[in-house]
PDB file of N, CA and C in Angstrom:
ATOM      1  N   MET A   1    -167.910-106.360 150.081  1.00  0.00           N
ATOM      2  CA  MET A   1    -168.749-107.371 150.103  1.00  0.00           C
ATOM      3  C   MET A   1    -168.475-108.168 148.928  1.00  0.00           C
ATOM      4  N   GLN A   2    -168.689-109.470 149.266  1.00  0.00           N
ATOM      5  CA  GLN A   2    -169.250-110.805 148.442  1.00  0.00           C
ATOM      6  C   GLN A   2    -170.200-111.492 148.251  1.00  0.00           C
ATOM      7  N   PRO A   3    -170.895-111.505 147.061  1.00  0.00           N
ATOM      8  CA  PRO A   3    -171.990-112.167 147.084  1.00  0.00           C
ATOM      9  C   PRO A   3    -172.226-113.443 147.353  1.00  0.00           C
ATOM     10  N   HIS A   4    -173.191-114.146 148.212  1.00  0.00           N
ATOM     11  CA  HIS A   4    -173.176-115.686 148.301  1.00  0.00           C
ATOM     12  C   HIS A   4    -173.823-116.203 147.343  1.00  0.00           C
ATOM     13  N   LYS A   5    -174.633-115.476 146.271  1.00  0.00           N
ATOM     14  CA  LYS A   5    -175.211-116.183 145.207  1.00  0.00           C
ATOM     15  C   LYS A   5    -175.056-115.251 143.968  1.00  0.00           C
ATOM     16  N   ILE A   6    -174.612-115.549 142.542  1.00  0.00           N
ATOM     17  CA  ILE A   6    -174.811-115.073 141.517  1.00  0.00           C
ATOM     18  C   ILE A   6    -175.758-115.685 140.580  1.00  0.00           C
ATOM     19  N   ILE A   7    -176.789-114.949 140.243  1.00  0.00           N
ATOM     20  CA  ILE A   7    -177.825-115.638 139.344  1.00  0.00           C
ATOM     21  C   ILE A   7    -177.416-114.962 137.702  1.00  0.00           C
ATOM     22  N   PHE A   8    -177.318-116.170 136.730  1.00  0.00           N
ATOM     23  CA  PHE A   8    -177.155-115.554 135.214  1.00  0.00           C
ATOM     24  C   PHE A   8    -178.590-116.078 134.659  1.00  0.00           C
ATOM     25  N   LEU A   9    -179.337-115.225 134.034  1.00  0.00           N
ATOM     26  CA  LEU A   9    -180.458-115.593 133.413  1.00  0.00           C
ATOM     27  C   LEU A   9    -180.281-115.850 131.882  1.00  0.00           C
ATOM     28  N   THR A  10    -180.595-116.675 131.533  1.00  0.00           N
ATOM     29  CA  THR A  10    -180.395-117.412 130.290  1.00  0.00           C
ATOM     30  C   THR A  10    -181.813-117.896 129.283  1.00  0.00           C
ATOM     31  N   GLU A  11    -181.562-118.090 128.004  1.00  0.00           N
ATOM     32  CA  GLU A  11    -182.731-118.690 127.434  1.00  0.00           C
ATOM     33  C   GLU A  11    -183.172-120.054 127.787  1.00  0.00           C
ATOM     34  N   THR A  12    -181.687-121.054 127.660  1.00  0.00           N
ATOM     35  CA  THR A  12    -181.849-122.174 128.006  1.00  0.00           C
ATOM     36  C   THR A  12    -182.404-122.349 129.097  1.00  0.00           C
ATOM     37  N   GLY A  13    -182.104-121.716 130.209  1.00  0.00           N
ATOM     38  CA  GLY A  13    -182.521-121.846 131.660  1.00  0.00           C
ATOM     39  C   GLY A  13    -181.466-122.740 132.604  1.00  0.00           C
ATOM     40  N   GLY A  14    -180.310-122.914 131.755  1.00  0.00           N
ATOM     41  CA  GLY A  14    -179.357-123.407 132.568  1.00  0.00           C
ATOM     42  C   GLY A  14    -177.870-123.884 131.626  1.00  0.00           C
ATOM     43  N   LEU A  15    -177.330-124.554 131.801  1.00  0.00           N
ATOM     44  CA  LEU A  15    -176.283-125.653 131.127  1.00  0.00           C
ATOM     45  C   LEU A  15    -177.227-126.613 131.104  1.00  0.00           C
ATOM     46  N   LEU A  16    -176.747-127.138 129.408  1.00  0.00           N
ATOM     47  CA  LEU A  16    -177.544-128.300 128.718  1.00  0.00           C
ATOM     48  C   LEU A  16    -176.344-129.218 128.812  1.00  0.00           C
ATOM     49  N   ASP A  17    -176.879-130.880 128.905  1.00  0.00           N
ATOM     50  CA  ASP A  17    -176.120-131.814 128.756  1.00  0.00           C
ATOM     51  C   ASP A  17    -176.153-132.115 127.284  1.00  0.00           C
ATOM     52  N   GLU A  18    -175.404-133.303 126.783  1.00  0.00           N
ATOM     53  CA  GLU A  18    -175.264-133.529 125.416  1.00  0.00           C
ATOM     54  C   GLU A  18    -176.642-133.984 124.827  1.00  0.00           C
ATOM     55  N   ALA A  19    -177.790-134.213 125.629  1.00  0.00           N
ATOM     56  CA  ALA A  19    -179.411-134.702 125.287  1.00  0.00           C
ATOM     57  C   ALA A  19    -180.049-133.553 124.937  1.00  0.00           C
ATOM     58  N   GLY A  20    -179.239-132.006 125.723  1.00  0.00           N
ATOM     59  CA  GLY A  20    -180.209-131.055 125.690  1.00  0.00           C
ATOM     60  C   GLY A  20    -180.880-130.565 126.951  1.00  0.00           C
ATOM     61  N   ARG A  21    -180.600-131.662 127.882  1.00  0.00           N
ATOM     62  CA  ARG A  21    -181.275-131.420 129.094  1.00  0.00           C
ATOM     63  C   ARG A  21    -180.546-130.536 130.121  1.00  0.00           C
ATOM     64  N   VAL A  22    -181.375-130.009 130.949  1.00  0.00           N
ATOM     65  CA  VAL A  22    -180.845-129.029 131.869  1.00  0.00           C
ATOM     66  C   VAL A  22    -179.952-129.757 133.121  1.00  0.00           C
ATOM     67  N   ILE A  23    -178.671-129.487 133.089  1.00  0.00           N
ATOM     68  CA  ILE A  23    -177.839-130.200 134.410  1.00  0.00           C
ATOM     69  C   ILE A  23    -177.949-129.611 135.552  1.00  0.00           C
ATOM     70  N   SER A  24    -178.652-129.847 136.217  1.00  0.00           N
ATOM     71  CA  SER A  24    -179.234-129.600 137.580  1.00  0.00           C
ATOM     72  C   SER A  24    -178.301-129.041 138.564  1.00  0.00           C
ATOM     73  N   ALA A  25    -177.180-129.724 138.535  1.00  0.00           N
ATOM     74  CA  ALA A  25    -175.836-129.141 139.413  1.00  0.00           C
ATOM     75  C   ALA A  25    -174.595-129.574 139.227  1.00  0.00           C
ATOM     76  N   ILE A  26    -173.789-128.764 139.027  1.00  0.00           N
ATOM     77  CA  ILE A  26    -171.994-128.921 138.831  1.00  0.00           C
ATOM     78  C   ILE A  26    -171.182-128.850 140.037  1.00  0.00           C
ATOM     79  N   SER A  27    -170.355-129.392 140.046  1.00  0.00           N
ATOM     80  CA  SER A  27    -169.161-129.148 141.296  1.00  0.00           C
ATOM     81  C   SER A  27    -168.113-128.810 140.426  1.00  0.00           C
ATOM     82  N   LEU A  28    -167.491-127.687 140.606  1.00  0.00           N
ATOM     83  CA  LEU A  28    -166.445-127.458 139.713  1.00  0.00           C
ATOM     84  C   LEU A  28    -165.395-128.418 140.094  1.00  0.00           C
ATOM     85  N   ARG A  29    -165.125-128.550 141.536  1.00  0.00           N
ATOM     86  CA  ARG A  29    -164.022-129.553 141.622  1.00  0.00           C
ATOM     87  C   ARG A  29    -164.268-130.740 141.123  1.00  0.00           C
ATOM     88  N   THR A  30    -165.179-131.321 140.937  1.00  0.00           N
ATOM     89  CA  THR A  30    -165.435-132.958 140.157  1.00  0.00           C
ATOM     90  C   THR A  30    -165.850-132.777 138.801  1.00  0.00           C
ATOM     91  N   ASP A  31    -166.280-131.863 138.206  1.00  0.00           N
ATOM     92  CA  ASP A  31    -167.025-131.633 137.025  1.00  0.00           C
ATOM     93  C   ASP A  31    -166.549-130.893 136.038  1.00  0.00           C
ATOM     94  N   TYR A  32    -165.613-129.859 136.551  1.00  0.00           N
ATOM     95  CA  TYR A  32    -165.505-128.522 135.504  1.00  0.00           C
ATOM     96  C   TYR A  32    -164.586-129.422 134.439  1.00  0.00           C
ATOM     97  N   ARG A  33    -163.431-129.961 134.732  1.00  0.00           N
ATOM     98  CA  ARG A  33    -162.541-130.431 133.718  1.00  0.00           C
ATOM     99  C   ARG A  33    -163.213-131.622 132.744  1.00  0.00           C
ATOM    100  N   TYR A  34    -163.829-132.276 133.368  1.00  0.00           N
ATOM    101  CA  TYR A  34    -164.582-133.275 132.233  1.00  0.00           C
ATOM    102  C   TYR A  34    -165.534-132.663 131.608  1.00  0.00           C
ATOM    103  N   LEU A  35    -166.529-131.537 131.867  1.00  0.00           N
ATOM    104  CA  LEU A  35    -167.374-130.479 131.321  1.00  0.00           C
ATOM    105  C   LEU A  35    -166.898-129.747 129.848  1.00  0.00           C
ATOM    106  N   ILE A  36    -165.328-129.094 130.432  1.00  0.00           N
ATOM    107  CA  ILE A  36    -164.695-128.642 129.582  1.00  0.00           C
ATOM    108  C   ILE A  36    -164.041-129.106 128.519  1.00  0.00           C
ATOM    109  N   GLU A  37    -163.896-130.284 128.531  1.00  0.00           N
ATOM    110  CA  GLU A  37    -163.374-131.265 127.538  1.00  0.00           C
ATOM    111  C   GLU A  37    -164.179-131.856 126.615  1.00  0.00           C
ATOM    112  N   GLN A  38    -165.473-131.636 126.889  1.00  0.00           N
ATOM    113  CA  GLN A  38    -166.563-132.488 126.206  1.00  0.00           C
ATOM    114  C   GLN A  38    -167.013-131.803 124.950  1.00  0.00           C
ATOM    115  N   PRO A  39    -167.043-132.551 123.617  1.00  0.00           N
ATOM    116  CA  PRO A  39    -167.261-131.570 122.507  1.00  0.00           C
ATOM    117  C   PRO A  39    -168.900-130.785 122.467  1.00  0.00           C
ATOM    118  N   TRP A  40    -169.535-131.627 123.336  1.00  0.00           N
ATOM    119  CA  TRP A  40    -170.959-130.671 123.292  1.00  0.00           C
ATOM    120  C   TRP A  40    -171.014-129.439 123.899  1.00  0.00           C
ATOM    121  N   VAL A  41    -169.648-129.593 124.747  1.00  0.00           N
ATOM    122  CA  VAL A  41    -169.969-128.333 125.639  1.00  0.00           C
ATOM    123  C   VAL A  41    -169.198-126.858 124.599  1.00  0.00           C
ATOM    124  N   HIS A  42    -169.658-126.229 123.920  1.00  0.00           N
ATOM    125  CA  HIS A  42    -168.963-125.370 123.055  1.00  0.00           C
ATOM    126  C   HIS A  42    -169.600-123.938 123.314  1.00  0.00           C
ATOM    127  N   SER A  43    -168.831-123.109 122.773  1.00  0.00           N
ATOM    128  CA  SER A  43    -169.212-121.479 122.590  1.00  0.00           C
ATOM    129  C   SER A  43    -169.802-121.096 123.622  1.00  0.00           C
ATOM    130  N   GLY A  44    -171.319-120.284 123.625  1.00  0.00           N
ATOM    131  CA  GLY A  44    -171.510-119.703 124.682  1.00  0.00           C
ATOM    132  C   GLY A  44    -171.542-120.389 126.208  1.00  0.00           C
ATOM    133  N   MET A  45    -171.883-121.960 125.891  1.00  0.00           N
ATOM    134  CA  MET A  45    -171.810-122.956 127.154  1.00  0.00           C
ATOM    135  C   MET A  45    -170.554-122.609 127.919  1.00  0.00           C
ATOM    136  N   LYS A  46    -169.426-123.200 127.141  1.00  0.00           N
ATOM    137  CA  LYS A  46    -167.917-123.062 127.523  1.00  0.00           C
ATOM    138  C   LYS A  46    -167.784-121.810 128.197  1.00  0.00           C
ATOM    139  N   LEU A  47    -168.097-120.728 127.231  1.00  0.00           N
ATOM    140  CA  LEU A  47    -167.401-119.620 127.951  1.00  0.00           C
ATOM    141  C   LEU A  47    -168.248-118.967 129.257  1.00  0.00           C
ATOM    142  N   LYS A  48    -169.437-119.231 129.453  1.00  0.00           N
ATOM    143  CA  LYS A  48    -170.126-119.260 130.623  1.00  0.00           C
ATOM    144  C   LYS A  48    -169.451-119.988 131.984  1.00  0.00           C
ATOM    145  N   LEU A  49    -169.364-121.390 131.714  1.00  0.00           N
ATOM    146  CA  LEU A  49    -168.581-122.283 132.342  1.00  0.00           C
ATOM    147  C   LEU A  49    -167.226-121.817 132.929  1.00  0.00           C
ATOM    148  N   GLN A  50    -166.385-121.314 132.041  1.00  0.00           N
ATOM    149  CA  GLN A  50    -164.965-120.629 132.088  1.00  0.00           C
ATOM    150  C   GLN A  50    -165.401-119.500 133.043  1.00  0.00           C
ATOM    151  N   GLN A  51    -166.144-118.321 132.927  1.00  0.00           N
ATOM    152  CA  GLN A  51    -166.312-117.281 133.455  1.00  0.00           C
ATOM    153  C   GLN A  51    -166.910-117.615 135.040  1.00  0.00           C
ATOM    154  N   ILE A  52    -167.698-118.718 135.244  1.00  0.00           N
ATOM    155  CA  ILE A  52    -168.253-118.985 136.408  1.00  0.00           C
ATOM    156  C   ILE A  52    -166.919-119.174 137.485  1.00  0.00           C
ATOM    157  N   GLU A  53    -166.360-120.277 136.457  1.00  0.00           N
ATOM    158  CA  GLU A  53    -165.177-120.808 137.361  1.00  0.00           C
ATOM    159  C   GLU A  53    -164.114-119.690 138.069  1.00  0.00           C
ATOM    160  N   GLN A  54    -163.950-118.710 137.181  1.00  0.00           N
ATOM    161  CA  GLN A  54    -163.035-117.745 137.783  1.00  0.00           C
ATOM    162  C   GLN A  54    -163.873-116.862 138.916  1.00  0.00           C
ATOM    163  N   ILE A  55    -165.138-116.915 138.664  1.00  0.00           N
ATOM    164  CA  ILE A  55    -165.702-116.007 139.464  1.00  0.00           C
ATOM    165  C   ILE A  55    -165.453-116.373 141.081  1.00  0.00           C
ATOM    166  N   LEU A  56    -166.071-118.064 140.923  1.00  0.00           N
ATOM    167  CA  LEU A  56    -166.091-118.772 142.058  1.00  0.00           C
ATOM    168  C   LEU A  56    -164.766-118.958 142.836  1.00  0.00           C
ATOM    169  N   THR A  57    -163.770-118.729 142.053  1.00  0.00           N
ATOM    170  CA  THR A  57    -162.409-119.037 142.468  1.00  0.00           C
ATOM    171  C   THR A  57    -162.237-117.922 143.596  1.00  0.00           C
ATOM    172  N   LYS A  58    -162.520-116.506 143.004  1.00  0.00           N
ATOM    173  CA  LYS A  58    -161.956-115.496 143.872  1.00  0.00           C
ATOM    174  C   LYS A  58    -163.282-115.434 145.274  1.00  0.00           C
ATOM    175  N   LEU A  59    -164.223-116.457 145.194  1.00  0.00           N
ATOM    176  CA  LEU A  59    -165.232-116.258 146.375  1.00  0.00           C
ATOM    177  C   LEU A  59    -165.130-117.331 147.379  1.00  0.00           C
ATOM    178  N   PRO A  60    -165.579-117.098 148.796  1.00  0.00           N
ATOM    179  CA  PRO A  60    -165.607-117.921 149.540  1.00  0.00           C
ATOM    180  C   PRO A  60    -166.776-119.362 149.103  1.00  0.00           C
ATOM    181  N   ASP A  61    -166.200-120.582 149.799  1.00  0.00           N
ATOM    182  CA  ASP A  61    -166.538-122.004 149.072  1.00  0.00           C
ATOM    183  C   ASP A  61    -168.035-122.149 149.399  1.00  0.00           C
ATOM    184  N   THR A  62    -168.655-121.316 150.041  1.00  0.00           N
ATOM    185  CA  THR A  62    -170.415-121.020 150.370  1.00  0.00           C
ATOM    186  C   THR A  62    -170.697-120.500 149.158  1.00  0.00           C
ATOM    187  N   ALA A  63    -170.304-119.534 148.635  1.00  0.00           N
ATOM    188  CA  ALA A  63    -170.879-118.832 147.099  1.00  0.00           C
ATOM    189  C   ALA A  63    -171.222-120.090 146.125  1.00  0.00           C
ATOM    190  N   SER A  64    -172.047-119.518 145.456  1.00  0.00           N
ATOM    191  CA  SER A  64    -172.527-120.142 144.238  1.00  0.00           C
ATOM    192  C   SER A  64    -173.237-119.463 143.015  1.00  0.00           C
ATOM    193  N   VAL A  65    -173.078-120.066 142.042  1.00  0.00           N
ATOM    194  CA  VAL A  65    -173.939-119.499 140.913  1.00  0.00           C
ATOM    195  C   VAL A  65    -175.074-120.376 140.307  1.00  0.00           C
ATOM    196  N   SER A  66    -176.153-119.481 140.120  1.00  0.00           N
ATOM    197  CA  SER A  66    -177.137-120.420 139.393  1.00  0.00           C
ATOM    198  C   SER A  66    -177.367-119.540 137.706  1.00  0.00           C
ATOM    199  N   ILE A  67    -177.541-120.810 137.353  1.00  0.00           N
ATOM    200  CA  ILE A  67    -178.176-120.272 135.579  1.00  0.00           C
ATOM    201  C   ILE A  67    -179.497-120.839 135.567  1.00  0.00           C
ATOM    202  N   THR A  68    -180.556-119.721 135.113  1.00  0.00           N
ATOM    203  CA  THR A  68    -181.891-119.972 135.033  1.00  0.00           C
ATOM    204  C   THR A  68    -182.123-118.942 134.248  1.00  0.00           C
ATOM    205  N   SER A  69    -183.900-119.238 133.948  1.00  0.00           N
ATOM    206  CA  SER A  69    -184.574-118.643 133.042  1.00  0.00           C
ATOM    207  C   SER A  69    -185.146-117.377 133.659  1.00  0.00           C
ATOM    208  N   VAL A  70    -185.537-116.457 132.715  1.00  0.00           N
ATOM    209  CA  VAL A  70    -186.476-115.411 133.322  1.00  0.00           C
ATOM    210  C   VAL A  70    -187.912-116.122 133.839  1.00  0.00           C
ATOM    211  N   GLU A  71    -188.064-116.933 133.125  1.00  0.00           N
ATOM    212  CA  GLU A  71    -189.643-117.402 133.441  1.00  0.00           C
ATOM    213  C   GLU A  71    -189.782-118.534 134.796  1.00  0.00           C
ATOM    214  N   ASN A  72    -188.456-118.988 134.815  1.00  0.00           N
ATOM    215  CA  ASN A  72    -188.011-119.478 136.364  1.00  0.00           C
ATOM    216  C   ASN A  72    -187.442-118.974 137.451  1.00  0.00           C
ATOM    217  N   LEU A  73    -187.214-117.471 137.308  1.00  0.00           N
ATOM    218  CA  LEU A  73    -186.480-116.645 138.383  1.00  0.00           C
ATOM    219  C   LEU A  73    -186.836-116.918 139.975  1.00  0.00           C
ATOM    220  N   ALA A  74    -188.436-116.687 139.522  1.00  0.00           N
ATOM    221  CA  ALA A  74    -189.056-116.504 141.088  1.00  0.00           C
ATOM    222  C   ALA A  74    -188.590-117.811 141.666  1.00  0.00           C
ATOM    223  N   ARG A  75    -189.087-119.261 140.878  1.00  0.00           N
ATOM    224  CA  ARG A  75    -188.378-120.366 141.503  1.00  0.00           C
ATOM    225  C   ARG A  75    -187.509-120.297 142.324  1.00  0.00           C
ATOM    226  N   GLU A  76    -186.418-120.008 141.300  1.00  0.00           N
ATOM    227  CA  GLU A  76    -184.676-119.513 141.848  1.00  0.00           C
ATOM    228  C   GLU A  76    -184.879-119.144 143.253  1.00  0.00           C
ATOM    229  N   LEU A  77    -185.348-118.235 143.198  1.00  0.00           N
ATOM    230  CA  LEU A  77    -185.264-117.188 144.391  1.00  0.00           C
ATOM    231  C   LEU A  77    -185.981-117.582 145.772  1.00  0.00           C
ATOM    232  N   PHE A  78    -187.172-118.134 145.482  1.00  0.00           N
ATOM    233  CA  PHE A  78    -188.218-118.382 146.310  1.00  0.00           C
ATOM    234  C   PHE A  78    -188.190-120.030 146.824  1.00  0.00           C
ATOM    235  N   THR A  79    -187.453-120.715 146.156  1.00  0.00           N
ATOM    236  CA  THR A  79    -187.813-122.152 146.621  1.00  0.00           C
ATOM    237  C   THR A  79    -186.451-122.951 147.147  1.00  0.00           C
ATOM    238  N   HIS A  80    -186.469-123.868 147.819  1.00  0.00           N
ATOM    239  CA  HIS A  80    -185.152-124.595 148.064  1.00  0.00           C
ATOM    240  C   HIS A  80    -184.810-125.411 147.079  1.00  0.00           C
ATOM    241  N   ARG A  81    -185.873-125.770 146.373  1.00  0.00           N
ATOM    242  CA  ARG A  81    -184.886-126.587 144.890  1.00  0.00           C
ATOM    243  C   ARG A  81    -184.635-125.783 143.886  1.00  0.00           C
ATOM    244  N   GLY A  82    -185.076-124.295 143.985  1.00  0.00           N
ATOM    245  CA  GLY A  82    -184.486-124.119 142.516  1.00  0.00           C
ATOM    246  C   GLY A  82    -184.911-124.539 141.366  1.00  0.00           C
ATOM    247  N   ALA A  83    -184.230-123.779 140.033  1.00  0.00           N
ATOM    248  CA  ALA A  83    -184.663-124.117 138.946  1.00  0.00           C
ATOM    249  C   ALA A  83    -183.478-123.762 138.236  1.00  0.00           C
ATOM    250  N   GLY A  84    -182.956-124.797 137.052  1.00  0.00           N
ATOM    251  CA  GLY A  84    -181.884-124.358 136.195  1.00  0.00           C
ATOM    252  C   GLY A  84    -180.690-125.313 136.962  1.00  0.00           C
ATOM    253  N   THR A  85    -179.279-124.492 136.675  1.00  0.00           N
ATOM    254  CA  THR A  85    -178.261-125.055 136.887  1.00  0.00           C
ATOM    255  C   THR A  85    -177.549-124.357 138.125  1.00  0.00           C
ATOM    256  N   LEU A  86    -177.357-125.258 139.265  1.00  0.00           N
ATOM    257  CA  LEU A  86    -176.743-124.785 140.344  1.00  0.00           C
ATOM    258  C   LEU A  86    -175.168-125.284 140.429  1.00  0.00           C
ATOM    259  N   ILE A  87    -174.246-124.303 140.377  1.00  0.00           N
ATOM    260  CA  ILE A  87    -172.754-124.617 140.065  1.00  0.00           C
ATOM    261  C   ILE A  87    -171.873-123.965 141.622  1.00  0.00           C
ATOM    262  N   ARG A  88    -171.373-124.969 142.135  1.00  0.00           N
ATOM    263  CA  ARG A  88    -170.726-124.238 143.460  1.00  0.00           C
ATOM    264  C   ARG A  88    -169.109-125.137 143.268  1.00  0.00           C
ATOM    265  N   LYS A  89    -168.267-124.601 143.827  1.00  0.00           N
ATOM    266  CA  LYS A  89    -166.892-125.034 143.939  1.00  0.00           C
ATOM    267  C   LYS A  89    -166.918-126.400 144.523  1.00  0.00           C
ATOM    268  N   GLY A  90    -167.762-127.188 145.305  1.00  0.00           N
ATOM    269  CA  GLY A  90    -167.818-128.627 145.533  1.00  0.00           C
ATOM    270  C   GLY A  90    -166.855-128.618 146.651  1.00  0.00           C
ATOM    271  N   GLU A  91    -166.520-129.867 147.323  1.00  0.00           N
ATOM    272  CA  GLU A  91    -165.965-130.329 148.039  1.00  0.00           C
ATOM    273  C   GLU A  91    -164.626-130.714 147.448  1.00  0.00           C
ATOM    274  N   ARG A  92    -163.767-130.758 148.403  1.00  0.00           N
ATOM    275  CA  ARG A  92    -162.408-131.259 147.876  1.00  0.00           C
ATOM    276  C   ARG A  92    -162.020-132.529 148.840  1.00  0.00           C
ATOM    277  N   ILE A  93    -161.560-133.497 147.990  1.00  0.00           N
ATOM    278  CA  ILE A  93    -161.639-135.197 148.619  1.00  0.00           C
ATOM    279  C   ILE A  93    -160.289-135.373 148.655  1.00  0.00           C
ATOM    280  N   ILE A  94    -159.948-136.007 149.858  1.00  0.00           N
ATOM    281  CA  ILE A  94    -158.391-136.381 150.232  1.00  0.00           C
ATOM    282  C   ILE A  94    -158.527-137.799 150.227  1.00  0.00           C
ATOM    283  N   GLU A  95    -157.696-138.515 149.728  1.00  0.00           N
ATOM    284  CA  GLU A  95    -157.409-139.803 149.574  1.00  0.00           C
ATOM    285  C   GLU A  95    -156.120-140.073 149.997  1.00  0.00           C
ATOM    286  N   PHE A  96    -156.208-141.132 150.883  1.00  0.00           N
ATOM    287  CA  PHE A  96    -154.962-142.170 151.614  1.00  0.00           C
ATOM    288  C   PHE A  96    -154.878-143.256 151.035  1.00  0.00           C
ATOM    289  N   ASP A  97    -153.865-143.882 150.633  1.00  0.00           N
ATOM    290  CA  ASP A  97    -153.321-145.279 150.334  1.00  0.00           C
ATOM    291  C   ASP A  97    -152.971-145.932 151.710  1.00  0.00           C
ATOM    292  N   ARG A  98    -153.032-145.132 152.957  1.00  0.00           N
ATOM    293  CA  ARG A  98    -152.120-146.132 153.851  1.00  0.00           C
ATOM    294  C   ARG A  98    -152.588-145.310 155.311  1.00  0.00           C
ATOM    295  N   PHE A  99    -153.180-145.882 156.224  1.00  0.00           N
ATOM    296  CA  PHE A  99    -152.610-144.877 157.741  1.00  0.00           C
ATOM    297  C   PHE A  99    -151.840-144.934 158.637  1.00  0.00           C
ATOM    298  N   ASP A 100    -151.329-143.930 159.036  1.00  0.00           N
ATOM    299  CA  ASP A 100    -150.258-144.443 160.178  1.00  0.00           C
ATOM    300  C   ASP A 100    -151.158-144.816 161.704  1.00  0.00           C
ATOM    301  N   ASP A 101    -150.191-145.194 162.683  1.00  0.00           N
ATOM    302  CA  ASP A 101    -151.088-145.477 163.613  1.00  0.00           C
ATOM    303  C   ASP A 101    -151.957-144.473 164.264  1.00  0.00           C
ATOM    304  N   ALA A 102    -151.557-143.287 164.486  1.00  0.00           N
ATOM    305  CA  ALA A 102    -152.228-142.127 165.133  1.00  0.00           C
ATOM    306  C   ALA A 102    -153.758-141.894 164.413  1.00  0.00           C
ATOM    307  N   ALA A 103    -153.594-142.075 162.851  1.00  0.00           N
ATOM    308  CA  ALA A 103    -154.501-141.958 161.912  1.00  0.00           C
ATOM    309  C   ALA A 103    -155.655-143.001 161.989  1.00  0.00           C
ATOM    310  N   ARG A 104    -154.871-144.392 162.343  1.00  0.00           N
ATOM    311  CA  ARG A 104    -155.941-145.634 162.426  1.00  0.00           C
ATOM    312  C   ARG A 104    -156.521-145.314 163.576  1.00  0.00           C
ATOM    313  N   GLU A 105    -156.202-145.092 164.710  1.00  0.00           N
ATOM    314  CA  GLU A 105    -156.594-145.110 166.054  1.00  0.00           C
ATOM    315  C   GLU A 105    -158.160-143.807 165.953  1.00  0.00           C
ATOM    316  N   ARG A 106    -157.521-142.453 165.415  1.00  0.00           N
ATOM    317  CA  ARG A 106    -158.471-141.336 165.238  1.00  0.00           C
ATOM    318  C   ARG A 106    -159.853-141.869 164.522  1.00  0.00           C
ATOM    319  N   THR A 107    -159.685-142.765 163.531  1.00  0.00           N
ATOM    320  CA  THR A 107    -160.505-143.286 162.419  1.00  0.00           C
ATOM    321  C   THR A 107    -161.662-144.258 163.296  1.00  0.00           C
ATOM    322  N   SER A 108    -160.765-145.074 163.918  1.00  0.00           N
ATOM    323  CA  SER A 108    -161.421-146.312 164.775  1.00  0.00           C
ATOM    324  C   SER A 108    -162.052-145.585 165.863  1.00  0.00           C
ATOM    325  N   SER A 109    -161.805-144.709 166.490  1.00  0.00           N
ATOM    326  CA  SER A 109    -162.548-143.736 167.407  1.00  0.00           C
ATOM    327  C   SER A 109    -163.819-143.202 166.861  1.00  0.00           C
ATOM    328  N   CYS A 110    -163.415-142.615 166.038  1.00  0.00           N
ATOM    329  CA  CYS A 110    -164.654-141.947 165.239  1.00  0.00           C
ATOM    330  C   CYS A 110    -165.874-142.879 164.791  1.00  0.00           C
ATOM    331  N   TRP A 111    -165.478-144.093 164.335  1.00  0.00           N
ATOM    332  CA  TRP A 111    -166.360-145.340 163.639  1.00  0.00           C
ATOM    333  C   TRP A 111    -167.325-145.669 165.080  1.00  0.00           C
ATOM    334  N   LYS A 112    -166.498-145.880 166.081  1.00  0.00           N
ATOM    335  CA  LYS A 112    -167.369-146.110 167.411  1.00  0.00           C
ATOM    336  C   LYS A 112    -168.296-145.173 167.990  1.00  0.00           C
ATOM    337  N   ARG A 113    -167.832-143.700 167.944  1.00  0.00           N
ATOM    338  CA  ARG A 113    -168.921-142.613 168.110  1.00  0.00           C
ATOM    339  C   ARG A 113    -169.903-142.931 167.461  1.00  0.00           C
ATOM    340  N   VAL A 114    -169.606-142.913 166.330  1.00  0.00           N
ATOM    341  CA  VAL A 114    -170.778-142.646 165.398  1.00  0.00           C
ATOM    342  C   VAL A 114    -171.932-144.155 165.197  1.00  0.00           C
ATOM    343  N   SER A 115    -171.300-145.078 165.707  1.00  0.00           N
ATOM    344  CA  SER A 115    -171.881-146.292 165.753  1.00  0.00           C
ATOM    345  C   SER A 115    -172.916-146.285 167.133  1.00  0.00           C
ATOM    346  N   ALA A 116    -172.154-145.872 168.035  1.00  0.00           N
ATOM    347  CA  ALA A 116    -172.812-145.545 169.536  1.00  0.00           C
ATOM    348  C   ALA A 116    -173.652-144.523 169.111  1.00  0.00           C
ATOM    349  N   GLY A 117    -173.975-143.774 168.090  1.00  0.00           N
ATOM    350  CA  GLY A 117    -175.156-142.881 168.045  1.00  0.00           C
ATOM    351  C   GLY A 117    -174.456-141.416 168.903  1.00  0.00           C
ATOM    352  N   ALA A 118    -173.451-141.065 169.159  1.00  0.00           N
ATOM    353  CA  ALA A 118    -172.956-140.011 169.927  1.00  0.00           C
ATOM    354  C   ALA A 118    -172.671-139.020 169.038  1.00  0.00           C
TER     355      ALA A 118
END
């Protein structure tokens, strides 16, 4: 059985930015490397981030980790907005520097359907 969501309880209520504010959401694919390299991400916060990256790597893309406080646990569990820091794997972004004819035709067709409201 694999969990859909894992919750860590901390005194800070989430991972903090350089100003000491809770970071609401982190995408590992786009934010992990940047955060790990920041001087203000250190000791316990850095270790948590590394452990969470290891955990989520072994779980489906739909899994997430929330870091919140005991005081905000009910809000995390019973609201859509949650409380604290939500960490997900994130979406992979594929970049192209040119299209072949078939890809250009598929893209054009897709845009026409979207524009037509299909």
